[in-house]
Amino acid sequence: SVCTVLNGYLEQCREETKADFLQLLVWAVHQGARVSG
């Protein structure tokens, strides 16, 4: 299992908007992967 700063950001998010922030996390990592090749 791997744990990074992403877990910390997720834990700080309010439950009511966690679904939206989860989308943001996935999108950000995807974009990072695309840009960095």
Full PDB file with SEQRES, HELIX, SHEET, SSBOND, CRYST1, ORIGX, SCALE, CONECT and MASTER records, all heavy atoms in Angstrom:
SEQRES   1 A   37  SER VAL CYS THR VAL LEU ASN GLY TYR LEU GLU GLN CYS          
SEQRES   2 A   37  ARG GLU GLU THR LYS ALA ASP PHE LEU GLN LEU LEU VAL          
SEQRES   3 A   37  TRP ALA VAL HIS GLN GLY ALA ARG VAL SER GLY                  
HELIX    1 AA1 VAL A    5  GLN A   12  1                                   8    
HELIX    2 AA2 GLU A   15  THR A   17  5                                   3    
HELIX    3 AA3 LYS A   18  SER A   36  1                                  19    
CRYST1    1.000    1.000    1.000  90.00  90.00  90.00 P 1           1          
ORIGX1      1.000000  0.000000  0.000000        0.00000                         
ORIGX2      0.000000  1.000000  0.000000        0.00000                         
ORIGX3      0.000000  0.000000  1.000000        0.00000                         
SCALE1      1.000000  0.000000  0.000000        0.00000                         
SCALE2      0.000000  1.000000  0.000000        0.00000                         
SCALE3      0.000000  0.000000  1.000000        0.00000                         
ATOM      1  N   SER A   1       0.844  -1.187   0.000  1.00  0.00           N  
ATOM      2  CA  SER A   1       0.000   0.000   0.000  1.00  0.00           C  
ATOM      3  C   SER A   1       0.882   1.241   0.000  1.00  0.00           C  
ATOM      4  O   SER A   1       1.971   1.243   0.569  1.00  0.00           O  
ATOM      5  CB  SER A   1      -0.895   0.017   1.242  1.00  0.00           C  
ATOM      6  OG  SER A   1      -1.771  -1.079   1.237  1.00  0.00           O  
ATOM      7  N   VAL A   2       0.400   2.280  -0.660  1.00  0.00           N  
ATOM      8  CA  VAL A   2       1.165   3.519  -0.757  1.00  0.00           C  
ATOM      9  C   VAL A   2       0.337   4.672  -0.211  1.00  0.00           C  
ATOM     10  O   VAL A   2      -0.849   4.794  -0.509  1.00  0.00           O  
ATOM     11  CB  VAL A   2       1.541   3.819  -2.229  1.00  0.00           C  
ATOM     12  CG1 VAL A   2       2.303   5.134  -2.331  1.00  0.00           C  
ATOM     13  CG2 VAL A   2       2.367   2.677  -2.807  1.00  0.00           C  
ATOM     14  N   CYS A   3       0.967   5.513   0.605  1.00  0.00           N  
ATOM     15  CA  CYS A   3       0.301   6.683   1.167  1.00  0.00           C  
ATOM     16  C   CYS A   3       1.144   7.919   0.842  1.00  0.00           C  
ATOM     17  O   CYS A   3       2.367   7.890   0.981  1.00  0.00           O  
ATOM     18  CB  CYS A   3       0.145   6.520   2.679  1.00  0.00           C  
ATOM     19  SG  CYS A   3      -0.780   7.857   3.469  1.00  0.00           S  
ATOM     20  N   THR A   4       0.504   8.997   0.383  1.00  0.00           N  
ATOM     21  CA  THR A   4       1.214  10.234   0.040  1.00  0.00           C  
ATOM     22  C   THR A   4       0.454  11.433   0.591  1.00  0.00           C  
ATOM     23  O   THR A   4      -0.537  11.287   1.310  1.00  0.00           O  
ATOM     24  CB  THR A   4       1.357  10.390  -1.494  1.00  0.00           C  
ATOM     25  OG1 THR A   4       0.053  10.653  -2.047  1.00  0.00           O  
ATOM     26  CG2 THR A   4       1.962   9.156  -2.135  1.00  0.00           C  
ATOM     27  N   VAL A   5       0.884  12.617   0.202  1.00  0.00           N  
ATOM     28  CA  VAL A   5       0.217  13.847   0.641  1.00  0.00           C  
ATOM     29  C   VAL A   5      -1.231  13.897   0.147  1.00  0.00           C  
ATOM     30  O   VAL A   5      -2.051  14.623   0.715  1.00  0.00           O  
ATOM     31  CB  VAL A   5       0.975  15.102   0.151  1.00  0.00           C  
ATOM     32  CG1 VAL A   5       2.343  15.184   0.772  1.00  0.00           C  
ATOM     33  CG2 VAL A   5       1.083  15.107  -1.375  1.00  0.00           C  
ATOM     34  N   LEU A   6      -1.543  13.143  -0.890  1.00  0.00           N  
ATOM     35  CA  LEU A   6      -2.910  13.135  -1.405  1.00  0.00           C  
ATOM     36  C   LEU A   6      -3.893  12.674  -0.333  1.00  0.00           C  
ATOM     37  O   LEU A   6      -5.012  13.170  -0.257  1.00  0.00           O  
ATOM     38  CB  LEU A   6      -3.019  12.231  -2.640  1.00  0.00           C  
ATOM     39  CG  LEU A   6      -2.149  12.597  -3.850  1.00  0.00           C  
ATOM     40  CD1 LEU A   6      -2.447  11.646  -5.008  1.00  0.00           C  
ATOM     41  CD2 LEU A   6      -2.370  14.039  -4.270  1.00  0.00           C  
ATOM     42  N   ASN A   7      -3.464  11.710   0.486  1.00  0.00           N  
ATOM     43  CA  ASN A   7      -4.326  11.239   1.572  1.00  0.00           C  
ATOM     44  C   ASN A   7      -4.632  12.361   2.551  1.00  0.00           C  
ATOM     45  O   ASN A   7      -5.743  12.486   3.066  1.00  0.00           O  
ATOM     46  CB  ASN A   7      -3.661  10.076   2.316  1.00  0.00           C  
ATOM     47  CG  ASN A   7      -3.520   8.845   1.448  1.00  0.00           C  
ATOM     48  OD1 ASN A   7      -2.535   8.698   0.741  1.00  0.00           O  
ATOM     49  ND2 ASN A   7      -4.496   7.959   1.487  1.00  0.00           N  
ATOM     50  N   GLY A   8      -3.616  13.201   2.817  1.00  0.00           N  
ATOM     51  CA  GLY A   8      -3.808  14.308   3.734  1.00  0.00           C  
ATOM     52  C   GLY A   8      -4.819  15.308   3.211  1.00  0.00           C  
ATOM     53  O   GLY A   8      -5.683  15.788   3.964  1.00  0.00           O  
ATOM     54  N   TYR A   9      -4.748  15.617   1.923  1.00  0.00           N  
ATOM     55  CA  TYR A   9      -5.721  16.546   1.341  1.00  0.00           C  
ATOM     56  C   TYR A   9      -7.131  15.961   1.397  1.00  0.00           C  
ATOM     57  O   TYR A   9      -8.099  16.667   1.690  1.00  0.00           O  
ATOM     58  CB  TYR A   9      -5.347  16.857  -0.109  1.00  0.00           C  
ATOM     59  CG  TYR A   9      -4.148  17.753  -0.252  1.00  0.00           C  
ATOM     60  CD1 TYR A   9      -3.022  17.346  -0.969  1.00  0.00           C  
ATOM     61  CD2 TYR A   9      -4.128  19.009   0.341  1.00  0.00           C  
ATOM     62  CE1 TYR A   9      -1.912  18.174  -1.086  1.00  0.00           C  
ATOM     63  CE2 TYR A   9      -3.020  19.839   0.227  1.00  0.00           C  
ATOM     64  CZ  TYR A   9      -1.913  19.418  -0.476  1.00  0.00           C  
ATOM     65  OH  TYR A   9      -0.821  20.229  -0.587  1.00  0.00           O  
ATOM     66  N   LEU A  10      -7.235  14.681   1.120  1.00  0.00           N  
ATOM     67  CA  LEU A  10      -8.542  14.030   1.139  1.00  0.00           C  
ATOM     68  C   LEU A  10      -9.151  14.052   2.536  1.00  0.00           C  
ATOM     69  O   LEU A  10     -10.348  14.293   2.708  1.00  0.00           O  
ATOM     70  CB  LEU A  10      -8.409  12.586   0.647  1.00  0.00           C  
ATOM     71  CG  LEU A  10      -9.705  11.790   0.457  1.00  0.00           C  
ATOM     72  CD1 LEU A  10     -10.632  12.499  -0.517  1.00  0.00           C  
ATOM     73  CD2 LEU A  10      -9.383  10.390  -0.043  1.00  0.00           C  
ATOM     74  N   GLU A  11      -8.320  13.838   3.551  1.00  0.00           N  
ATOM     75  CA  GLU A  11      -8.800  13.840   4.928  1.00  0.00           C  
ATOM     76  C   GLU A  11      -9.277  15.222   5.365  1.00  0.00           C  
ATOM     77  O   GLU A  11     -10.138  15.348   6.230  1.00  0.00           O  
ATOM     78  CB  GLU A  11      -7.691  13.360   5.866  1.00  0.00           C  
ATOM     79  CG  GLU A  11      -7.380  11.867   5.733  1.00  0.00           C  
ATOM     80  CD  GLU A  11      -6.149  11.461   6.520  1.00  0.00           C  
ATOM     81  OE1 GLU A  11      -5.579  12.344   7.232  1.00  0.00           O  
ATOM     82  OE2 GLU A  11      -5.743  10.289   6.437  1.00  0.00           O  
ATOM     83  N   GLN A  12      -8.724  16.262   4.760  1.00  0.00           N  
ATOM     84  CA  GLN A  12      -9.103  17.628   5.134  1.00  0.00           C  
ATOM     85  C   GLN A  12     -10.414  18.071   4.493  1.00  0.00           C  
ATOM     86  O   GLN A  12     -10.982  19.093   4.884  1.00  0.00           O  
ATOM     87  CB  GLN A  12      -8.002  18.607   4.715  1.00  0.00           C  
ATOM     88  CG  GLN A  12      -6.690  18.443   5.451  1.00  0.00           C  
ATOM     89  CD  GLN A  12      -5.631  19.373   4.899  1.00  0.00           C  
ATOM     90  OE1 GLN A  12      -5.829  20.587   4.811  1.00  0.00           O  
ATOM     91  NE2 GLN A  12      -4.490  18.808   4.495  1.00  0.00           N  
ATOM     92  N   CYS A  13     -10.888  17.314   3.516  1.00  0.00           N  
ATOM     93  CA  CYS A  13     -12.086  17.714   2.777  1.00  0.00           C  
ATOM     94  C   CYS A  13     -13.360  17.386   3.548  1.00  0.00           C  
ATOM     95  O   CYS A  13     -13.465  16.329   4.175  1.00  0.00           O  
ATOM     96  CB  CYS A  13     -12.107  17.016   1.420  1.00  0.00           C  
ATOM     97  SG  CYS A  13     -13.407  17.592   0.322  1.00  0.00           S  
ATOM     98  N   ARG A  14     -14.328  18.284   3.486  1.00  0.00           N  
ATOM     99  CA  ARG A  14     -15.625  18.051   4.126  1.00  0.00           C  
ATOM    100  C   ARG A  14     -16.328  16.889   3.444  1.00  0.00           C  
ATOM    101  O   ARG A  14     -16.229  16.714   2.240  1.00  0.00           O  
ATOM    102  CB  ARG A  14     -16.496  19.300   4.032  1.00  0.00           C  
ATOM    103  CG  ARG A  14     -15.973  20.477   4.822  1.00  0.00           C  
ATOM    104  CD  ARG A  14     -16.703  21.770   4.486  1.00  0.00           C  
ATOM    105  NE  ARG A  14     -18.141  21.624   4.711  1.00  0.00           N  
ATOM    106  CZ  ARG A  14     -19.069  21.866   3.782  1.00  0.00           C  
ATOM    107  NH1 ARG A  14     -18.709  22.235   2.557  1.00  0.00           N  
ATOM    108  NH2 ARG A  14     -20.339  21.740   4.055  1.00  0.00           N  
ATOM    109  N   GLU A  15     -17.054  16.100   4.255  1.00  0.00           N  
ATOM    110  CA  GLU A  15     -17.752  14.928   3.720  1.00  0.00           C  
ATOM    111  C   GLU A  15     -18.728  15.317   2.618  1.00  0.00           C  
ATOM    112  O   GLU A  15     -18.906  14.590   1.645  1.00  0.00           O  
ATOM    113  CB  GLU A  15     -18.508  14.201   4.846  1.00  0.00           C  
ATOM    114  CG  GLU A  15     -17.615  13.429   5.797  1.00  0.00           C  
ATOM    115  CD  GLU A  15     -16.870  12.299   5.117  1.00  0.00           C  
ATOM    116  OE1 GLU A  15     -17.437  11.666   4.203  1.00  0.00           O  
ATOM    117  OE2 GLU A  15     -15.717  12.051   5.504  1.00  0.00           O  
ATOM    118  N   GLU A  16     -19.375  16.477   2.765  1.00  0.00           N  
ATOM    119  CA  GLU A  16     -20.399  16.888   1.800  1.00  0.00           C  
ATOM    120  C   GLU A  16     -19.834  17.140   0.407  1.00  0.00           C  
ATOM    121  O   GLU A  16     -20.564  17.042  -0.587  1.00  0.00           O  
ATOM    122  CB  GLU A  16     -21.106  18.168   2.294  1.00  0.00           C  
ATOM    123  CG  GLU A  16     -21.902  17.990   3.579  1.00  0.00           C  
ATOM    124  CD  GLU A  16     -21.045  18.103   4.832  1.00  0.00           C  
ATOM    125  OE1 GLU A  16     -19.795  18.179   4.695  1.00  0.00           O  
ATOM    126  OE2 GLU A  16     -21.600  18.108   5.928  1.00  0.00           O  
ATOM    127  N   THR A  17     -18.571  17.491   0.323  1.00  0.00           N  
ATOM    128  CA  THR A  17     -17.980  17.793  -0.988  1.00  0.00           C  
ATOM    129  C   THR A  17     -16.852  16.828  -1.357  1.00  0.00           C  
ATOM    130  O   THR A  17     -16.099  17.071  -2.302  1.00  0.00           O  
ATOM    131  CB  THR A  17     -17.439  19.243  -1.003  1.00  0.00           C  
ATOM    132  OG1 THR A  17     -16.507  19.409   0.078  1.00  0.00           O  
ATOM    133  CG2 THR A  17     -18.570  20.245  -0.872  1.00  0.00           C  
ATOM    134  N   LYS A  18     -16.741  15.728  -0.597  1.00  0.00           N  
ATOM    135  CA  LYS A  18     -15.643  14.795  -0.844  1.00  0.00           C  
ATOM    136  C   LYS A  18     -15.718  14.175  -2.241  1.00  0.00           C  
ATOM    137  O   LYS A  18     -14.686  13.961  -2.883  1.00  0.00           O  
ATOM    138  CB  LYS A  18     -15.624  13.695   0.219  1.00  0.00           C  
ATOM    139  CG  LYS A  18     -14.441  12.756   0.106  1.00  0.00           C  
ATOM    140  CD  LYS A  18     -14.282  11.880   1.334  1.00  0.00           C  
ATOM    141  CE  LYS A  18     -13.702  12.675   2.484  1.00  0.00           C  
ATOM    142  NZ  LYS A  18     -13.376  11.793   3.638  1.00  0.00           N  
ATOM    143  N   ALA A  19     -16.924  13.900  -2.713  1.00  0.00           N  
ATOM    144  CA  ALA A  19     -17.068  13.305  -4.047  1.00  0.00           C  
ATOM    145  C   ALA A  19     -16.488  14.223  -5.111  1.00  0.00           C  
ATOM    146  O   ALA A  19     -15.835  13.776  -6.056  1.00  0.00           O  
ATOM    147  CB  ALA A  19     -18.538  13.014  -4.338  1.00  0.00           C  
ATOM    148  N   ASP A  20     -16.714  15.534  -4.965  1.00  0.00           N  
ATOM    149  CA  ASP A  20     -16.180  16.498  -5.925  1.00  0.00           C  
ATOM    150  C   ASP A  20     -14.660  16.564  -5.835  1.00  0.00           C  
ATOM    151  O   ASP A  20     -13.964  16.630  -6.861  1.00  0.00           O  
ATOM    152  CB  ASP A  20     -16.770  17.884  -5.667  1.00  0.00           C  
ATOM    153  CG  ASP A  20     -18.266  17.929  -5.931  1.00  0.00           C  
ATOM    154  OD1 ASP A  20     -18.709  17.279  -6.898  1.00  0.00           O  
ATOM    155  OD2 ASP A  20     -18.982  18.582  -5.175  1.00  0.00           O  
ATOM    156  N   PHE A  21     -14.131  16.551  -4.609  1.00  0.00           N  
ATOM    157  CA  PHE A  21     -12.685  16.640  -4.462  1.00  0.00           C  
ATOM    158  C   PHE A  21     -11.993  15.377  -4.966  1.00  0.00           C  
ATOM    159  O   PHE A  21     -10.877  15.436  -5.490  1.00  0.00           O  
ATOM    160  CB  PHE A  21     -12.312  16.890  -2.996  1.00  0.00           C  
ATOM    161  CG  PHE A  21     -10.850  17.207  -2.806  1.00  0.00           C  
ATOM    162  CD1 PHE A  21     -10.318  18.382  -3.304  1.00  0.00           C  
ATOM    163  CD2 PHE A  21     -10.007  16.317  -2.165  1.00  0.00           C  
ATOM    164  CE1 PHE A  21      -8.964  18.687  -3.167  1.00  0.00           C  
ATOM    165  CE2 PHE A  21      -8.650  16.601  -2.014  1.00  0.00           C  
ATOM    166  CZ  PHE A  21      -8.133  17.787  -2.516  1.00  0.00           C  
ATOM    167  N   LEU A  22     -12.654  14.240  -4.828  1.00  0.00           N  
ATOM    168  CA  LEU A  22     -12.105  12.995  -5.355  1.00  0.00           C  
ATOM    169  C   LEU A  22     -11.932  13.087  -6.865  1.00  0.00           C  
ATOM    170  O   LEU A  22     -10.936  12.634  -7.428  1.00  0.00           O  
ATOM    171  CB  LEU A  22     -13.014  11.818  -5.003  1.00  0.00           C  
ATOM    172  CG  LEU A  22     -12.972  11.346  -3.548  1.00  0.00           C  
ATOM    173  CD1 LEU A  22     -14.115  10.381  -3.277  1.00  0.00           C  
ATOM    174  CD2 LEU A  22     -11.647  10.680  -3.230  1.00  0.00           C  
ATOM    175  N   GLN A  23     -12.909  13.695  -7.520  1.00  0.00           N  
ATOM    176  CA  GLN A  23     -12.797  13.882  -8.962  1.00  0.00           C  
ATOM    177  C   GLN A  23     -11.593  14.757  -9.288  1.00  0.00           C  
ATOM    178  O   GLN A  23     -10.846  14.494 -10.242  1.00  0.00           O  
ATOM    179  CB  GLN A  23     -14.056  14.561  -9.507  1.00  0.00           C  
ATOM    180  CG  GLN A  23     -15.264  13.659  -9.583  1.00  0.00           C  
ATOM    181  CD  GLN A  23     -16.361  14.328 -10.388  1.00  0.00           C  
ATOM    182  OE1 GLN A  23     -16.401  14.212 -11.612  1.00  0.00           O  
ATOM    183  NE2 GLN A  23     -17.246  15.012  -9.723  1.00  0.00           N  
ATOM    184  N   LEU A  24     -11.404  15.786  -8.477  1.00  0.00           N  
ATOM    185  CA  LEU A  24     -10.286  16.700  -8.684  1.00  0.00           C  
ATOM    186  C   LEU A  24      -8.947  15.993  -8.515  1.00  0.00           C  
ATOM    187  O   LEU A  24      -8.009  16.204  -9.293  1.00  0.00           O  
ATOM    188  CB  LEU A  24     -10.393  17.867  -7.697  1.00  0.00           C  
ATOM    189  CG  LEU A  24      -9.471  19.066  -7.939  1.00  0.00           C  
ATOM    190  CD1 LEU A  24      -9.815  19.742  -9.259  1.00  0.00           C  
ATOM    191  CD2 LEU A  24      -9.587  20.057  -6.786  1.00  0.00           C  
ATOM    192  N   LEU A  25      -8.856  15.127  -7.504  1.00  0.00           N  
ATOM    193  CA  LEU A  25      -7.631  14.362  -7.276  1.00  0.00           C  
ATOM    194  C   LEU A  25      -7.285  13.499  -8.477  1.00  0.00           C  
ATOM    195  O   LEU A  25      -6.143  13.492  -8.953  1.00  0.00           O  
ATOM    196  CB  LEU A  25      -7.787  13.461  -6.047  1.00  0.00           C  
ATOM    197  CG  LEU A  25      -7.456  14.011  -4.666  1.00  0.00           C  
ATOM    198  CD1 LEU A  25      -7.653  12.914  -3.622  1.00  0.00           C  
ATOM    199  CD2 LEU A  25      -6.043  14.543  -4.598  1.00  0.00           C  
ATOM    200  N   VAL A  26      -8.272  12.766  -8.950  1.00  0.00           N  
ATOM    201  CA  VAL A  26      -8.043  11.866 -10.084  1.00  0.00           C  
ATOM    202  C   VAL A  26      -7.654  12.662 -11.322  1.00  0.00           C  
ATOM    203  O   VAL A  26      -6.719  12.299 -12.045  1.00  0.00           O  
ATOM    204  CB  VAL A  26      -9.296  11.010 -10.355  1.00  0.00           C  
ATOM    205  CG1 VAL A  26      -9.090  10.135 -11.586  1.00  0.00           C  
ATOM    206  CG2 VAL A  26      -9.614  10.138  -9.153  1.00  0.00           C  
ATOM    207  N   TRP A  27      -8.362  13.758 -11.567  1.00  0.00           N  
ATOM    208  CA  TRP A  27      -8.068  14.579 -12.744  1.00  0.00           C  
ATOM    209  C   TRP A  27      -6.658  15.146 -12.658  1.00  0.00           C  
ATOM    210  O   TRP A  27      -5.913  15.142 -13.649  1.00  0.00           O  
ATOM    211  CB  TRP A  27      -9.081  15.719 -12.840  1.00  0.00           C  
ATOM    212  CG  TRP A  27      -8.916  16.541 -14.086  1.00  0.00           C  
ATOM    213  CD1 TRP A  27      -9.461  16.302 -15.313  1.00  0.00           C  
ATOM    214  CD2 TRP A  27      -8.113  17.729 -14.219  1.00  0.00           C  
ATOM    215  NE1 TRP A  27      -9.054  17.271 -16.205  1.00  0.00           N  
ATOM    216  CE2 TRP A  27      -8.233  18.159 -15.565  1.00  0.00           C  
ATOM    217  CE3 TRP A  27      -7.326  18.467 -13.342  1.00  0.00           C  
ATOM    218  CZ2 TRP A  27      -7.578  19.289 -16.037  1.00  0.00           C  
ATOM    219  CZ3 TRP A  27      -6.671  19.597 -13.813  1.00  0.00           C  
ATOM    220  CH2 TRP A  27      -6.801  20.003 -15.145  1.00  0.00           C  
ATOM    221  N   ALA A  28      -6.271  15.649 -11.486  1.00  0.00           N  
ATOM    222  CA  ALA A  28      -4.945  16.251 -11.312  1.00  0.00           C  
ATOM    223  C   ALA A  28      -3.838  15.236 -11.568  1.00  0.00           C  
ATOM    224  O   ALA A  28      -2.851  15.529 -12.259  1.00  0.00           O  
ATOM    225  CB  ALA A  28      -4.816  16.832  -9.908  1.00  0.00           C  
ATOM    226  N   VAL A  29      -3.994  14.040 -11.021  1.00  0.00           N  
ATOM    227  CA  VAL A  29      -2.968  13.009 -11.218  1.00  0.00           C  
ATOM    228  C   VAL A  29      -2.909  12.586 -12.684  1.00  0.00           C  
ATOM    229  O   VAL A  29      -1.828  12.367 -13.243  1.00  0.00           O  
ATOM    230  CB  VAL A  29      -3.240  11.793 -10.301  1.00  0.00           C  
ATOM    231  CG1 VAL A  29      -2.283  10.648 -10.629  1.00  0.00           C  
ATOM    232  CG2 VAL A  29      -3.089  12.186  -8.841  1.00  0.00           C  
ATOM    233  N   HIS A  30      -4.068  12.501 -13.313  1.00  0.00           N  
ATOM    234  CA  HIS A  30      -4.116  12.151 -14.728  1.00  0.00           C  
ATOM    235  C   HIS A  30      -3.377  13.188 -15.558  1.00  0.00           C  
ATOM    236  O   HIS A  30      -2.560  12.855 -16.441  1.00  0.00           O  
ATOM    237  CB  HIS A  30      -5.575  12.041 -15.185  1.00  0.00           C  
ATOM    238  CG  HIS A  30      -5.730  11.511 -16.571  1.00  0.00           C  
ATOM    239  ND1 HIS A  30      -6.912  11.582 -17.269  1.00  0.00           N  
ATOM    240  CD2 HIS A  30      -4.841  10.919 -17.411  1.00  0.00           C  
ATOM    241  CE1 HIS A  30      -6.739  11.054 -18.465  1.00  0.00           C  
ATOM    242  NE2 HIS A  30      -5.500  10.643 -18.582  1.00  0.00           N  
ATOM    243  N   GLN A  31      -3.650  14.461 -15.289  1.00  0.00           N  
ATOM    244  CA  GLN A  31      -2.994  15.534 -16.032  1.00  0.00           C  
ATOM    245  C   GLN A  31      -1.486  15.525 -15.784  1.00  0.00           C  
ATOM    246  O   GLN A  31      -0.685  15.738 -16.701  1.00  0.00           O  
ATOM    247  CB  GLN A  31      -3.595  16.890 -15.653  1.00  0.00           C  
ATOM    248  CG  GLN A  31      -5.043  17.064 -16.044  1.00  0.00           C  
ATOM    249  CD  GLN A  31      -5.310  16.753 -17.505  1.00  0.00           C  
ATOM    250  OE1 GLN A  31      -4.645  17.276 -18.395  1.00  0.00           O  
ATOM    251  NE2 GLN A  31      -6.267  15.880 -17.767  1.00  0.00           N  
ATOM    252  N   GLY A  32      -1.110  15.279 -14.532  1.00  0.00           N  
ATOM    253  CA  GLY A  32       0.309  15.207 -14.211  1.00  0.00           C  
ATOM    254  C   GLY A  32       1.007  14.104 -14.989  1.00  0.00           C  
ATOM    255  O   GLY A  32       2.133  14.273 -15.473  1.00  0.00           O  
ATOM    256  N   ALA A  33       0.329  12.969 -15.133  1.00  0.00           N  
ATOM    257  CA  ALA A  33       0.890  11.840 -15.872  1.00  0.00           C  
ATOM    258  C   ALA A  33       1.022  12.175 -17.358  1.00  0.00           C  
ATOM    259  O   ALA A  33       2.009  11.823 -18.010  1.00  0.00           O  
ATOM    260  CB  ALA A  33       0.013  10.606 -15.684  1.00  0.00           C  
ATOM    261  N   ARG A  34       0.025  12.874 -17.883  1.00  0.00           N  
ATOM    262  CA  ARG A  34       0.069  13.243 -19.303  1.00  0.00           C  
ATOM    263  C   ARG A  34       1.192  14.234 -19.584  1.00  0.00           C  
ATOM    264  O   ARG A  34       1.960  14.069 -20.536  1.00  0.00           O  
ATOM    265  CB  ARG A  34      -1.272  13.859 -19.715  1.00  0.00           C  
ATOM    266  CG  ARG A  34      -2.428  12.871 -19.726  1.00  0.00           C  
ATOM    267  CD  ARG A  34      -3.717  13.557 -20.121  1.00  0.00           C  
ATOM    268  NE  ARG A  34      -3.658  14.101 -21.482  1.00  0.00           N  
ATOM    269  CZ  ARG A  34      -4.619  14.849 -22.024  1.00  0.00           C  
ATOM    270  NH1 ARG A  34      -5.698  15.134 -21.322  1.00  0.00           N  
ATOM    271  NH2 ARG A  34      -4.493  15.290 -23.248  1.00  0.00           N  
ATOM    272  N   VAL A  35       1.292  15.264 -18.744  1.00  0.00           N  
ATOM    273  CA  VAL A  35       2.299  16.311 -18.958  1.00  0.00           C  
ATOM    274  C   VAL A  35       3.721  15.767 -18.792  1.00  0.00           C  
ATOM    275  O   VAL A  35       4.635  16.115 -19.542  1.00  0.00           O  
ATOM    276  CB  VAL A  35       2.070  17.493 -17.983  1.00  0.00           C  
ATOM    277  CG1 VAL A  35       3.220  18.493 -18.057  1.00  0.00           C  
ATOM    278  CG2 VAL A  35       0.749  18.178 -18.290  1.00  0.00           C  
ATOM    279  N   SER A  36       3.908  14.900 -17.798  1.00  0.00           N  
ATOM    280  CA  SER A  36       5.245  14.373 -17.526  1.00  0.00           C  
ATOM    281  C   SER A  36       5.600  13.177 -18.391  1.00  0.00           C  
ATOM    282  O   SER A  36       6.706  12.643 -18.308  1.00  0.00           O  
ATOM    283  CB  SER A  36       5.366  13.983 -16.049  1.00  0.00           C  
ATOM    284  OG  SER A  36       4.429  12.970 -15.720  1.00  0.00           O  
ATOM    285  N   GLY A  37       4.644  12.747 -19.233  1.00  0.00           N  
ATOM    286  CA  GLY A  37       4.915  11.644 -20.143  1.00  0.00           C  
ATOM    287  C   GLY A  37       4.885  10.276 -19.501  1.00  0.00           C  
ATOM    288  O   GLY A  37       5.367   9.298 -20.076  1.00  0.00           O  
TER     289      GLY A  37                                                      
MASTER        0    0    0    3    0    0    0    6  288    1    0    3          
END                                                                             
